[in-house]
């Protein structure tokens, strides 16, 4: 009985000493005040906030980040003296919902976002935090629903929306962040429903509204974004305003 008691005491002492040693080897700084080795930080409620290793004050290797309820929300893999990290975002079930690269704490290269089935819902491209190139939004089964283009963090180039069967729903163009040029909104059968022209984000010239069979339903003339009411030819009152059409996401 005494022997068992002594063993229990010894095990308790060993566990306590291990905990003390572990605490003494985490959250350390060197003589220059730089973080070194394993670091752990907690929320005020005692739940872990993050854990990972530093070398000369720079993160290296794997870092794990948590929400205050204790679930893992993000994992980052640091390299290049902490300047680059490949990062995965997680939902509360542990599913990957985003992944991409940070360079100097700014989004860089391609970032992909997923639904619960790990099917991409959108894909974006950055260079040091600035939006560039083609951006895509996807339907639940993977078809492209929208394509946007960016240059130097501004909308620039074609903007296309698709119906789920691939028919183009909307075609337009941006120039330096503003709508510029022809814009066409189509019925599901591919025939135009609304067609007009933008110049520097303002409607210009004649805009056409069509019935689903292709017949013109209404025309309207714009100058610098303002309709010239004297030139409106109304064949039939529109049921839906064109702005509502343009602002409705694909598939809705």
Protein backbone atom coordinates (compact mmCIF):
# COMPACT_ATOMS: atom_id res chain seq x y z
CA UNK A 1 0.00 0.00 0.00
CA UNK A 2 2.83 2.37 0.92
CA UNK A 3 4.61 1.40 -2.28
CA UNK A 4 1.55 2.32 -4.39
CA UNK A 5 1.26 5.61 -2.56
CA UNK A 6 4.91 6.39 -3.23
CA UNK A 7 4.46 5.57 -6.94
CA UNK A 8 1.43 7.89 -7.20
CA UNK A 9 3.34 10.70 -5.51
CA UNK A 10 6.31 10.14 -7.82
CA UNK A 11 4.12 10.22 -10.94
CA UNK A 12 2.45 13.40 -9.75
CA UNK A 13 5.82 15.04 -9.18
CA UNK A 14 7.02 13.96 -12.62
CA UNK A 15 3.91 15.39 -14.29
CA UNK A 16 4.23 18.66 -12.42
CA UNK A 17 7.91 18.97 -13.24
CA UNK A 18 7.18 18.23 -16.92
CA UNK A 19 4.57 20.97 -16.97
CA UNK A 20 7.00 23.39 -15.35
CA UNK A 21 9.72 22.49 -17.86
CA UNK A 22 7.25 22.89 -20.75
CA UNK A 23 6.19 26.31 -19.48
CA UNK A 24 9.79 27.36 -19.06
CA UNK A 25 10.64 26.41 -22.66
CA UNK A 26 7.74 28.29 -24.34
CA UNK A 27 7.27 32.01 -24.99
CA UNK A 28 11.00 32.67 -24.73
CA UNK A 29 12.98 35.66 -25.98
CA UNK A 30 16.72 35.92 -26.47
CA UNK A 31 19.07 38.60 -25.13
CA UNK A 32 18.00 40.90 -27.97
CA UNK A 33 14.32 40.52 -27.11
CA UNK A 34 13.58 38.37 -30.16
CA UNK A 35 11.05 35.56 -29.94
CA UNK A 36 12.64 32.13 -30.13
CA UNK A 37 11.21 28.63 -30.18
CA UNK A 38 7.66 27.55 -29.39
CA UNK A 39 5.12 30.22 -28.48
CA UNK A 40 1.57 29.82 -27.24
CA UNK A 41 -0.99 32.51 -26.50
CA UNK A 42 -4.44 32.11 -24.94
CA UNK A 43 -7.68 34.06 -24.92
CA UNK A 44 -8.87 35.54 -21.63
CA UNK A 45 -11.06 32.48 -21.12
CA UNK A 46 -7.97 30.25 -21.19
CA UNK A 47 -8.68 28.75 -24.62
CA UNK A 48 -5.72 28.69 -27.04
CA UNK A 49 -5.41 31.63 -29.40
CA UNK A 50 -2.39 30.50 -31.44
CA UNK A 51 0.66 28.28 -31.26
CA UNK A 52 3.77 28.12 -33.41
CA UNK A 53 7.52 28.56 -33.46
CA UNK A 54 9.69 31.61 -34.01
CA UNK A 55 13.29 32.01 -35.06
CA UNK A 56 14.89 35.40 -34.52
CA UNK A 57 11.43 36.96 -34.05
CA UNK A 58 10.10 35.56 -37.35
CA UNK A 59 7.47 32.78 -37.58
CA UNK A 60 8.64 29.52 -39.14
CA UNK A 61 6.95 26.23 -39.86
CA UNK A 62 3.38 25.49 -38.84
CA UNK A 63 1.18 27.96 -36.93
CA UNK A 64 -2.30 27.12 -35.71
CA UNK A 65 -4.92 29.76 -34.92
CA UNK A 66 -8.11 29.21 -32.93
CA UNK A 67 -11.40 30.94 -32.15
CA UNK A 68 -12.18 31.76 -28.51
CA UNK A 69 -14.46 28.72 -28.24
CA UNK A 70 -11.48 26.47 -28.89
CA UNK A 71 -12.01 25.36 -32.53
CA UNK A 72 -9.14 25.50 -34.98
CA UNK A 73 -9.88 28.20 -37.58
CA UNK A 74 -6.66 28.55 -39.59
CA UNK A 75 -3.37 26.79 -40.27
CA UNK A 76 -0.39 28.60 -41.81
CA UNK A 77 2.88 27.17 -43.11
CA UNK A 78 5.57 29.86 -42.91
CA UNK A 79 8.72 30.03 -45.03
CA UNK A 80 11.22 32.58 -46.36
CA UNK A 81 11.95 33.95 -42.88
CA UNK A 82 8.27 34.46 -42.15
CA UNK A 83 7.57 36.57 -45.23
CA UNK A 84 5.58 33.88 -47.04
CA UNK A 85 2.83 31.66 -45.69
CA UNK A 86 0.53 29.12 -47.29
CA UNK A 87 -2.71 29.35 -45.32
CA UNK A 88 -5.83 27.23 -45.00
CA UNK A 89 -9.03 28.52 -43.40
CA UNK A 90 -11.32 26.01 -41.67
CA UNK A 91 -14.96 25.94 -40.65
CA UNK A 92 -16.16 24.67 -37.25
CA UNK A 93 -16.26 21.11 -38.62
CA UNK A 94 -12.64 21.21 -39.74
CA UNK A 95 -13.45 21.51 -43.45
CA UNK A 96 -11.15 23.64 -45.59
CA UNK A 97 -13.11 26.71 -46.73
CA UNK A 98 -10.24 28.79 -48.14
CA UNK A 99 -6.62 28.42 -49.13
CA UNK A 100 -3.97 30.68 -50.58
CA UNK A 101 -0.67 32.46 -50.02
CA UNK A 102 0.25 35.52 -47.98
CA UNK A 103 3.41 37.45 -48.85
CA UNK A 104 4.41 40.04 -46.27
CA UNK A 105 0.94 39.57 -44.68
CA UNK A 106 -0.82 40.46 -47.97
CA UNK A 107 -2.81 38.07 -50.15
CA UNK A 108 -0.80 36.90 -53.13
CA UNK A 109 -1.26 34.54 -56.08
CA UNK A 110 -4.46 32.49 -56.36
CA UNK A 111 -6.93 32.20 -53.47
CA UNK A 112 -9.69 29.59 -53.62
CA UNK A 113 -12.84 29.39 -51.47
CA UNK A 114 -14.88 26.20 -50.98
CA UNK A 115 -18.27 24.99 -49.82
CA UNK A 116 -18.78 22.13 -47.34
CA UNK A 117 -18.31 19.56 -50.13
CA UNK A 118 -14.91 21.13 -50.93
CA UNK A 119 -16.22 22.34 -54.28
CA UNK A 120 -14.83 25.78 -55.25
CA UNK A 121 -17.30 28.63 -54.90
CA UNK A 122 -14.89 31.37 -56.01
CA UNK A 123 -11.31 31.90 -57.13
CA UNK A 124 -9.38 35.16 -56.84
CA UNK A 125 -5.93 36.38 -57.88
CA UNK A 126 -3.75 38.91 -56.05
CA UNK A 127 -0.30 40.39 -56.14
CA UNK A 128 0.79 41.75 -52.75
CA UNK A 129 -2.79 42.45 -51.74
CA UNK A 130 -3.91 44.02 -55.01
CA UNK A 131 -6.58 42.37 -57.15
CA UNK A 132 -5.39 41.32 -60.60
CA UNK A 133 -6.37 39.00 -63.43
CA UNK A 134 -9.51 36.93 -63.80
CA UNK A 135 -11.79 36.25 -60.83
CA UNK A 136 -14.40 33.51 -60.95
CA UNK A 137 -17.59 32.64 -59.07
CA UNK A 138 -19.01 29.11 -59.45
CA UNK A 139 -22.37 27.40 -59.24
CA UNK A 140 -22.67 24.58 -56.63
CA UNK A 141 -21.83 21.94 -59.25
CA UNK A 142 -18.72 23.72 -60.50
CA UNK A 143 -19.91 25.65 -63.55
CA UNK A 144 -18.71 29.24 -63.84
CA UNK A 145 -21.48 31.70 -62.93
CA UNK A 146 -19.47 34.91 -63.13
CA UNK A 147 -16.13 36.11 -64.46
CA UNK A 148 -14.62 39.47 -63.53
CA UNK A 149 -11.28 40.99 -64.44
CA UNK A 150 -8.99 43.28 -62.49
CA UNK A 151 -5.86 45.33 -63.12
CA UNK A 152 -3.98 47.15 -60.37
CA UNK A 153 -6.81 46.54 -57.86
CA UNK A 154 -9.54 47.98 -60.13
CA UNK A 155 -12.19 46.36 -62.30
CA UNK A 156 -10.77 46.33 -65.80
CA UNK A 157 -11.76 44.21 -68.78
CA UNK A 158 -14.66 41.85 -69.52
CA UNK A 159 -17.42 41.14 -67.03
CA UNK A 160 -19.49 38.06 -67.87
CA UNK A 161 -22.30 36.27 -66.04
CA UNK A 162 -23.67 32.88 -67.09
CA UNK A 163 -26.83 30.90 -66.63
CA UNK A 164 -26.24 27.45 -65.17
CA UNK A 165 -26.38 25.82 -68.61
CA UNK A 166 -23.56 28.06 -69.85
CA UNK A 167 -25.64 30.61 -71.77
CA UNK A 168 -24.33 34.12 -71.22
CA UNK A 169 -26.57 36.11 -68.90
CA UNK A 170 -24.63 39.38 -68.94
CA UNK A 171 -21.73 40.76 -70.96
CA UNK A 172 -20.13 44.09 -70.18
CA UNK A 173 -16.74 45.76 -69.89
CA UNK A 174 -14.91 47.79 -67.28
CA UNK A 175 -12.20 50.36 -67.91
CA UNK A 176 -10.17 51.63 -64.95
CA UNK A 177 -12.91 50.75 -62.48
CA UNK A 178 -15.84 52.11 -64.51
CA UNK A 179 -18.37 50.51 -66.83
CA UNK A 180 -17.37 51.42 -70.37
CA UNK A 181 -18.72 50.18 -73.68
CA UNK A 182 -21.54 47.89 -74.70
CA UNK A 183 -23.56 46.03 -72.09
CA UNK A 184 -26.09 43.30 -72.80
CA UNK A 185 -28.35 41.40 -70.43
CA UNK A 186 -29.84 38.24 -72.00
CA UNK A 187 -32.87 36.08 -71.52
CA UNK A 188 -32.26 32.43 -70.61
CA UNK A 189 -32.67 31.53 -74.29
CA UNK A 190 -29.67 33.71 -75.14
CA UNK A 191 -31.61 36.51 -76.81
CA UNK A 192 -31.04 40.08 -75.50
CA UNK A 193 -33.34 41.45 -72.82
CA UNK A 194 -31.54 44.76 -72.24
CA UNK A 195 -28.85 46.39 -74.34
CA UNK A 196 -27.08 49.73 -74.18
CA UNK A 197 -23.82 51.57 -73.85
CA UNK A 198 -21.78 53.02 -70.98
CA UNK A 199 -19.14 55.74 -71.12
CA UNK A 200 -17.15 56.22 -67.92
CA UNK A 201 -19.87 54.62 -65.74
CA UNK A 202 -22.69 56.69 -67.30
CA UNK A 203 -25.38 55.46 -69.67
CA UNK A 204 -25.07 57.01 -73.09
CA UNK A 205 -27.10 56.76 -76.27
CA UNK A 206 -30.04 54.53 -77.03
CA UNK A 207 -30.89 51.66 -74.72
CA UNK A 208 -33.10 48.82 -75.90
CA UNK A 209 -35.46 46.55 -73.96
CA UNK A 210 -36.57 43.35 -75.67
CA UNK A 211 -39.27 40.77 -75.28
CA UNK A 212 -38.20 37.16 -74.92
CA UNK A 213 -38.96 36.51 -78.59
CA UNK A 214 -36.53 39.24 -79.65
CA UNK A 215 -39.02 42.03 -80.39
CA UNK A 216 -38.20 45.51 -79.10
CA UNK A 217 -40.31 46.36 -76.08
CA UNK A 218 -39.02 49.84 -75.27
CA UNK A 219 -36.23 52.25 -76.18
CA UNK A 220 -34.76 55.06 -74.13
CA UNK A 221 -32.08 57.62 -74.92
CA UNK A 222 -29.49 58.69 -72.32
CA UNK A 223 -27.04 61.57 -72.20
CA UNK A 224 -24.42 61.51 -69.44
CA UNK A 225 -26.57 59.07 -67.47
CA UNK A 226 -29.76 61.11 -67.74
CA UNK A 227 -32.74 59.93 -69.77
CA UNK A 228 -34.02 62.29 -72.41
CA UNK A 229 -37.74 61.87 -71.70
CA UNK A 230 -38.72 63.58 -74.95
CA UNK A 231 -37.10 60.77 -76.90
CA UNK A 232 -38.61 57.81 -75.03
CA UNK A 233 -40.64 55.54 -77.26
CA UNK A 234 -42.79 53.35 -75.01
CA UNK A 235 -44.36 50.31 -76.54
CA UNK A 236 -45.19 48.75 -73.18
CA UNK A 237 -44.29 49.58 -69.59
CA UNK A 238 -41.35 47.57 -68.23
CA UNK A 239 -42.12 45.20 -65.37
CA UNK A 240 -38.53 45.23 -64.06
CA UNK A 241 -36.09 48.12 -63.92
CA UNK A 242 -32.79 47.52 -65.73
CA UNK A 243 -30.77 48.38 -62.63
CA UNK A 244 -32.52 45.60 -60.74
CA UNK A 245 -31.66 43.22 -63.57
CA UNK A 246 -27.99 44.21 -63.53
CA UNK A 247 -27.70 43.90 -59.77
CA UNK A 248 -29.30 40.48 -59.49
CA UNK A 249 -26.71 37.70 -58.96
CA UNK A 250 -26.59 34.86 -61.51
CA UNK A 251 -29.06 32.09 -60.86
CA UNK A 252 -31.51 34.27 -58.92
